[in-house]
Amino acid sequence: KGAKEIIDRVIETNNKRRHTQGLLDTNLSEVNTLSKNIGQMMKEGRKEEAESARVRVADIKEKTKALETSMSEADAELQNILYTIPNLPHSSVPEGTGAEDNTVERMGGKETTLPPDALPHWELAKKYDLIDFEWGVKITGAGFPVYKGKGARLRVFGNLFYGKHIY
């Protein structure tokens, strides 16, 4: 349900990561082989060949650092893409793009009917001076509430009872 593009990106990024891993493994193997050969060349007195091999090893190690950086970037990108893959819904879930496409399976209890002049909880908190939303924005930069007066006491009691009976 709309995840094909994400899966295609996962496959593409994983292929890139595998290709980079293959190059990295090849380079590391070549460095190991050359390093062993350098010691042998020095024993045999082939110093020019050994020096040439050292230069080659240094060049390969430099390329290996770039490949390791590319590899860690590909790993991070792959992980981030994997986090965006949605969970598979049950086959009984209808396809849709919004709440209007959902179906009600069952309802329990009685449906609450509020009077037309009922206030939402945030307006009740302002009306009874329980929460200061403006201070929450000033302090945190987000919409966190600052409880005050009876609101603070109510919050403390709620935490107390929640801590005693839930944990």
C-alpha atoms as a PDB file:
ATOM      1  CA  LYS A   1       0.000   0.000   0.000  1.00  0.00           C
ATOM      2  CA  GLY A   2       2.185   2.839  -1.269  1.00  0.00           C
ATOM      3  CA  ALA A   3       5.519   1.370  -0.149  1.00  0.00           C
ATOM      4  CA  LYS A   4       6.829   0.247  -3.555  1.00  0.00           C
ATOM      5  CA  GLU A   5       8.960   3.386  -3.982  1.00  0.00           C
ATOM      6  CA  ILE A   6      10.480   2.900  -0.540  1.00  0.00           C
ATOM      7  CA  ILE A   7      11.295  -0.745  -1.271  1.00  0.00           C
ATOM      8  CA  ASP A   8      12.906   0.264  -4.582  1.00  0.00           C
ATOM      9  CA  ARG A   9      15.079   2.781  -2.690  1.00  0.00           C
ATOM     10  CA  VAL A  10      16.024   0.090  -0.156  1.00  0.00           C
ATOM     11  CA  ILE A  11      17.112  -2.264  -2.940  1.00  0.00           C
ATOM     12  CA  GLU A  12      19.049   0.475  -4.752  1.00  0.00           C
ATOM     13  CA  THR A  13      20.809   1.661  -1.592  1.00  0.00           C
ATOM     14  CA  ASN A  14      21.584  -1.897  -0.505  1.00  0.00           C
ATOM     15  CA  ASN A  15      23.093  -2.676  -3.925  1.00  0.00           C
ATOM     16  CA  LYS A  16      25.257   0.451  -3.643  1.00  0.00           C
ATOM     17  CA  ARG A  17      26.314  -0.594  -0.144  1.00  0.00           C
ATOM     18  CA  ARG A  18      27.173  -4.129  -1.283  1.00  0.00           C
ATOM     19  CA  HIS A  19      29.200  -2.813  -4.224  1.00  0.00           C
ATOM     20  CA  THR A  20      31.135  -0.519  -1.876  1.00  0.00           C
ATOM     21  CA  GLN A  21      31.670  -3.413   0.550  1.00  0.00           C
ATOM     22  CA  GLY A  22      33.076  -5.529  -2.293  1.00  0.00           C
ATOM     23  CA  LEU A  23      35.536  -2.785  -3.281  1.00  0.00           C
ATOM     24  CA  LEU A  24      36.507  -2.317   0.352  1.00  0.00           C
ATOM     25  CA  ASP A  25      37.134  -6.045   0.840  1.00  0.00           C
ATOM     26  CA  THR A  26      39.220  -6.181  -2.352  1.00  0.00           C
ATOM     27  CA  ASN A  27      41.332  -3.227  -1.221  1.00  0.00           C
ATOM     28  CA  LEU A  28      41.904  -4.672   2.247  1.00  0.00           C
ATOM     29  CA  SER A  29      42.892  -8.019   0.763  1.00  0.00           C
ATOM     30  CA  GLU A  30      45.334  -6.320  -1.607  1.00  0.00           C
ATOM     31  CA  VAL A  31      46.860  -4.317   1.265  1.00  0.00           C
ATOM     32  CA  ASN A  32      47.364  -7.522   3.264  1.00  0.00           C
ATOM     33  CA  THR A  33      48.988  -9.303   0.326  1.00  0.00           C
ATOM     34  CA  LEU A  34      51.266  -6.374  -0.509  1.00  0.00           C
ATOM     35  CA  SER A  35      52.246  -5.922   3.140  1.00  0.00           C
ATOM     36  CA  LYS A  36      53.341  -9.556   3.351  1.00  0.00           C
ATOM     37  CA  ASN A  37      55.253  -9.240   0.081  1.00  0.00           C
ATOM     38  CA  ILE A  38      57.058  -6.074   1.214  1.00  0.00           C
ATOM     39  CA  GLY A  39      58.705  -7.958   4.069  1.00  0.00           C
ATOM     40  CA  GLN A  40      59.759 -10.739   1.719  1.00  0.00           C
ATOM     41  CA  MET A  41      61.139  -8.229  -0.817  1.00  0.00           C
ATOM     42  CA  MET A  42      63.201  -6.504   1.883  1.00  0.00           C
ATOM     43  CA  LYS A  43      64.690  -9.850   2.956  1.00  0.00           C
ATOM     44  CA  GLU A  44      65.620 -10.601  -0.631  1.00  0.00           C
ATOM     45  CA  GLY A  45      67.194  -7.165  -1.124  1.00  0.00           C
ATOM     46  CA  ARG A  46      64.655  -5.859  -3.659  1.00  0.00           C
ATOM     47  CA  LYS A  47      64.355  -2.466  -2.008  1.00  0.00           C
ATOM     48  CA  GLU A  48      63.068  -0.589  -5.073  1.00  0.00           C
ATOM     49  CA  GLU A  49      60.213  -3.059  -5.517  1.00  0.00           C
ATOM     50  CA  ALA A  50      59.468  -2.897  -1.797  1.00  0.00           C
ATOM     51  CA  GLU A  51      59.355   0.913  -1.893  1.00  0.00           C
ATOM     52  CA  SER A  52      57.042   0.789  -4.920  1.00  0.00           C
ATOM     53  CA  ALA A  53      54.790  -1.637  -3.040  1.00  0.00           C
ATOM     54  CA  ARG A  54      54.768   0.700   0.003  1.00  0.00           C
ATOM     55  CA  VAL A  55      53.629   3.579  -2.185  1.00  0.00           C
ATOM     56  CA  ARG A  56      50.917   1.332  -3.633  1.00  0.00           C
ATOM     57  CA  VAL A  57      49.810   0.302  -0.107  1.00  0.00           C
ATOM     58  CA  ALA A  58      49.594   3.963   0.973  1.00  0.00           C
ATOM     59  CA  ASP A  59      47.511   4.755  -2.128  1.00  0.00           C
ATOM     60  CA  ILE A  60      45.164   1.831  -1.483  1.00  0.00           C
ATOM     61  CA  LYS A  61      44.793   2.810   2.199  1.00  0.00           C
ATOM     62  CA  GLU A  62      43.807   6.335   1.146  1.00  0.00           C
ATOM     63  CA  LYS A  63      41.161   4.918  -1.200  1.00  0.00           C
ATOM     64  CA  THR A  64      40.045   2.564   1.568  1.00  0.00           C
ATOM     65  CA  LYS A  65      39.360   5.508   3.896  1.00  0.00           C
ATOM     66  CA  ALA A  66      37.112   7.069   1.250  1.00  0.00           C
ATOM     67  CA  LEU A  67      35.345   3.734   0.742  1.00  0.00           C
ATOM     68  CA  GLU A  68      34.824   3.334   4.500  1.00  0.00           C
ATOM     69  CA  THR A  69      33.243   6.794   4.629  1.00  0.00           C
ATOM     70  CA  SER A  70      31.035   5.919   1.675  1.00  0.00           C
ATOM     71  CA  MET A  71      30.150   2.623   3.340  1.00  0.00           C
ATOM     72  CA  SER A  72      29.097   4.254   6.612  1.00  0.00           C
ATOM     73  CA  GLU A  73      27.019   6.828   4.691  1.00  0.00           C
ATOM     74  CA  ALA A  74      25.317   4.045   2.719  1.00  0.00           C
ATOM     75  CA  ASP A  75      24.631   2.129   5.956  1.00  0.00           C
ATOM     76  CA  ALA A  76      23.091   5.216   7.568  1.00  0.00           C
ATOM     77  CA  GLU A  77      21.021   5.983   4.467  1.00  0.00           C
ATOM     78  CA  LEU A  78      19.795   2.383   4.284  1.00  0.00           C
ATOM     79  CA  GLN A  79      18.854   2.420   7.972  1.00  0.00           C
ATOM     80  CA  ASN A  80      16.940   5.689   7.569  1.00  0.00           C
ATOM     81  CA  ILE A  81      15.040   4.327   4.567  1.00  0.00           C
ATOM     82  CA  LEU A  82      14.217   1.112   6.432  1.00  0.00           C
ATOM     83  CA  TYR A  83      12.712   3.195   9.242  1.00  0.00           C
ATOM     84  CA  THR A  84      10.231   4.683   6.757  1.00  0.00           C
ATOM     85  CA  ILE A  85       8.788   1.333   5.671  1.00  0.00           C
ATOM     86  CA  PRO A  86       5.287   1.142   7.126  1.00  0.00           C
ATOM     87  CA  ASN A  87       3.976  -1.896   8.965  1.00  0.00           C
ATOM     88  CA  LEU A  88       1.875  -4.214   6.843  1.00  0.00           C
ATOM     89  CA  PRO A  89      -1.787  -3.827   7.708  1.00  0.00           C
ATOM     90  CA  HIS A  90      -4.026  -6.847   8.173  1.00  0.00           C
ATOM     91  CA  SER A  91      -5.701  -8.059   4.979  1.00  0.00           C
ATOM     92  CA  SER A  92      -9.096  -7.068   6.402  1.00  0.00           C
ATOM     93  CA  VAL A  93      -8.069  -3.397   6.596  1.00  0.00           C
ATOM     94  CA  PRO A  94      -9.642  -1.445   3.714  1.00  0.00           C
ATOM     95  CA  GLU A  95      -7.395   0.573   1.424  1.00  0.00           C
ATOM     96  CA  GLY A  96      -7.769   4.299   1.667  1.00  0.00           C
ATOM     97  CA  THR A  97      -6.059   7.598   2.169  1.00  0.00           C
ATOM     98  CA  GLY A  98      -8.052   9.133   5.007  1.00  0.00           C
ATOM     99  CA  ALA A  99     -10.398   8.607   7.925  1.00  0.00           C
ATOM    100  CA  GLU A 100     -13.438   8.613   5.647  1.00  0.00           C
ATOM    101  CA  ASP A 101     -12.185   5.359   4.058  1.00  0.00           C
ATOM    102  CA  ASN A 102     -12.216   3.517   7.404  1.00  0.00           C
ATOM    103  CA  THR A 103     -15.058   1.263   8.477  1.00  0.00           C
ATOM    104  CA  VAL A 104     -16.480   0.988  12.004  1.00  0.00           C
ATOM    105  CA  GLU A 105     -16.389  -2.659  13.092  1.00  0.00           C
ATOM    106  CA  ARG A 106     -18.071  -2.248  16.470  1.00  0.00           C
ATOM    107  CA  MET A 107     -18.707   0.334  19.171  1.00  0.00           C
ATOM    108  CA  GLY A 108     -18.918  -0.256  22.890  1.00  0.00           C
ATOM    109  CA  GLY A 109     -20.816   1.563  25.578  1.00  0.00           C
ATOM    110  CA  LYS A 110     -22.954   4.594  25.053  1.00  0.00           C
ATOM    111  CA  GLU A 111     -21.897   7.398  22.780  1.00  0.00           C
ATOM    112  CA  THR A 112     -21.350  10.538  24.810  1.00  0.00           C
ATOM    113  CA  THR A 113     -23.367  13.537  23.791  1.00  0.00           C
ATOM    114  CA  LEU A 114     -22.066  16.897  24.867  1.00  0.00           C
ATOM    115  CA  PRO A 115     -24.132  20.035  25.141  1.00  0.00           C
ATOM    116  CA  PRO A 116     -23.586  22.531  22.315  1.00  0.00           C
ATOM    117  CA  ASP A 117     -21.806  24.969  24.635  1.00  0.00           C
ATOM    118  CA  ALA A 118     -19.258  22.357  25.894  1.00  0.00           C
ATOM    119  CA  LEU A 119     -15.668  23.607  25.959  1.00  0.00           C
ATOM    120  CA  PRO A 120     -12.601  21.588  24.925  1.00  0.00           C
ATOM    121  CA  HIS A 121     -10.089  20.721  27.646  1.00  0.00           C
ATOM    122  CA  TRP A 122      -7.574  23.414  26.669  1.00  0.00           C
ATOM    123  CA  GLU A 123     -10.221  26.129  27.013  1.00  0.00           C
ATOM    124  CA  LEU A 124     -11.358  24.714  30.367  1.00  0.00           C
ATOM    125  CA  ALA A 125      -7.723  24.810  31.560  1.00  0.00           C
ATOM    126  CA  LYS A 126      -7.522  28.505  30.606  1.00  0.00           C
ATOM    127  CA  LYS A 127     -10.937  29.306  32.077  1.00  0.00           C
ATOM    128  CA  TYR A 128     -10.069  27.813  35.481  1.00  0.00           C
ATOM    129  CA  ASP A 129      -6.454  29.104  35.336  1.00  0.00           C
ATOM    130  CA  LEU A 130      -4.938  25.605  35.610  1.00  0.00           C
ATOM    131  CA  ILE A 131      -2.384  25.777  32.791  1.00  0.00           C
ATOM    132  CA  ASP A 132      -0.335  28.576  31.229  1.00  0.00           C
ATOM    133  CA  PHE A 133       0.269  27.579  27.607  1.00  0.00           C
ATOM    134  CA  GLU A 134       2.064  30.836  26.710  1.00  0.00           C
ATOM    135  CA  TRP A 135       4.750  30.256  29.352  1.00  0.00           C
ATOM    136  CA  GLY A 136       5.182  26.715  28.063  1.00  0.00           C
ATOM    137  CA  VAL A 137       5.939  28.084  24.602  1.00  0.00           C
ATOM    138  CA  LYS A 138       8.356  30.689  26.009  1.00  0.00           C
ATOM    139  CA  ILE A 139      10.205  28.145  28.149  1.00  0.00           C
ATOM    140  CA  THR A 140      10.450  25.194  25.764  1.00  0.00           C
ATOM    141  CA  GLY A 141       9.779  26.690  22.357  1.00  0.00           C
ATOM    142  CA  ALA A 142       6.983  24.161  21.908  1.00  0.00           C
ATOM    143  CA  GLY A 143       3.452  23.640  23.172  1.00  0.00           C
ATOM    144  CA  PHE A 144       4.286  22.127  26.551  1.00  0.00           C
ATOM    145  CA  PRO A 145       1.955  23.143  29.394  1.00  0.00           C
ATOM    146  CA  VAL A 146       3.051  24.896  32.570  1.00  0.00           C
ATOM    147  CA  TYR A 147       0.744  23.772  35.366  1.00  0.00           C
ATOM    148  CA  LYS A 148      -0.104  26.338  38.026  1.00  0.00           C
ATOM    149  CA  GLY A 149      -2.175  26.518  41.197  1.00  0.00           C
ATOM    150  CA  LYS A 150      -4.847  23.823  41.338  1.00  0.00           C
ATOM    151  CA  GLY A 151      -3.649  22.483  37.985  1.00  0.00           C
ATOM    152  CA  ALA A 152      -0.187  21.822  39.449  1.00  0.00           C
ATOM    153  CA  ARG A 153      -1.710  20.087  42.472  1.00  0.00           C
ATOM    154  CA  LEU A 154      -3.925  17.988  40.241  1.00  0.00           C
ATOM    155  CA  ARG A 155      -0.903  17.024  38.148  1.00  0.00           C
ATOM    156  CA  VAL A 156       1.074  16.008  41.265  1.00  0.00           C
ATOM    157  CA  PHE A 157      -1.795  13.865  42.561  1.00  0.00           C
ATOM    158  CA  GLY A 158      -2.192  12.273  39.168  1.00  0.00           C
ATOM    159  CA  ASN A 159       1.499  11.380  39.061  1.00  0.00           C
ATOM    160  CA  LEU A 160       1.369  10.086  42.627  1.00  0.00           C
ATOM    161  CA  PHE A 161      -1.600   7.801  42.018  1.00  0.00           C
ATOM    162  CA  TYR A 162      -0.256   6.713  38.666  1.00  0.00           C
ATOM    163  CA  GLY A 163       3.081   5.835  40.251  1.00  0.00           C
ATOM    164  CA  LYS A 164       1.513   3.925  43.143  1.00  0.00           C
ATOM    165  CA  HIS A 165      -1.068   1.922  41.248  1.00  0.00           C
ATOM    166  CA  ILE A 166       0.335   1.478  37.768  1.00  0.00           C
ATOM    167  CA  TYR A 167       4.010   0.702  38.363  1.00  0.00           C
END
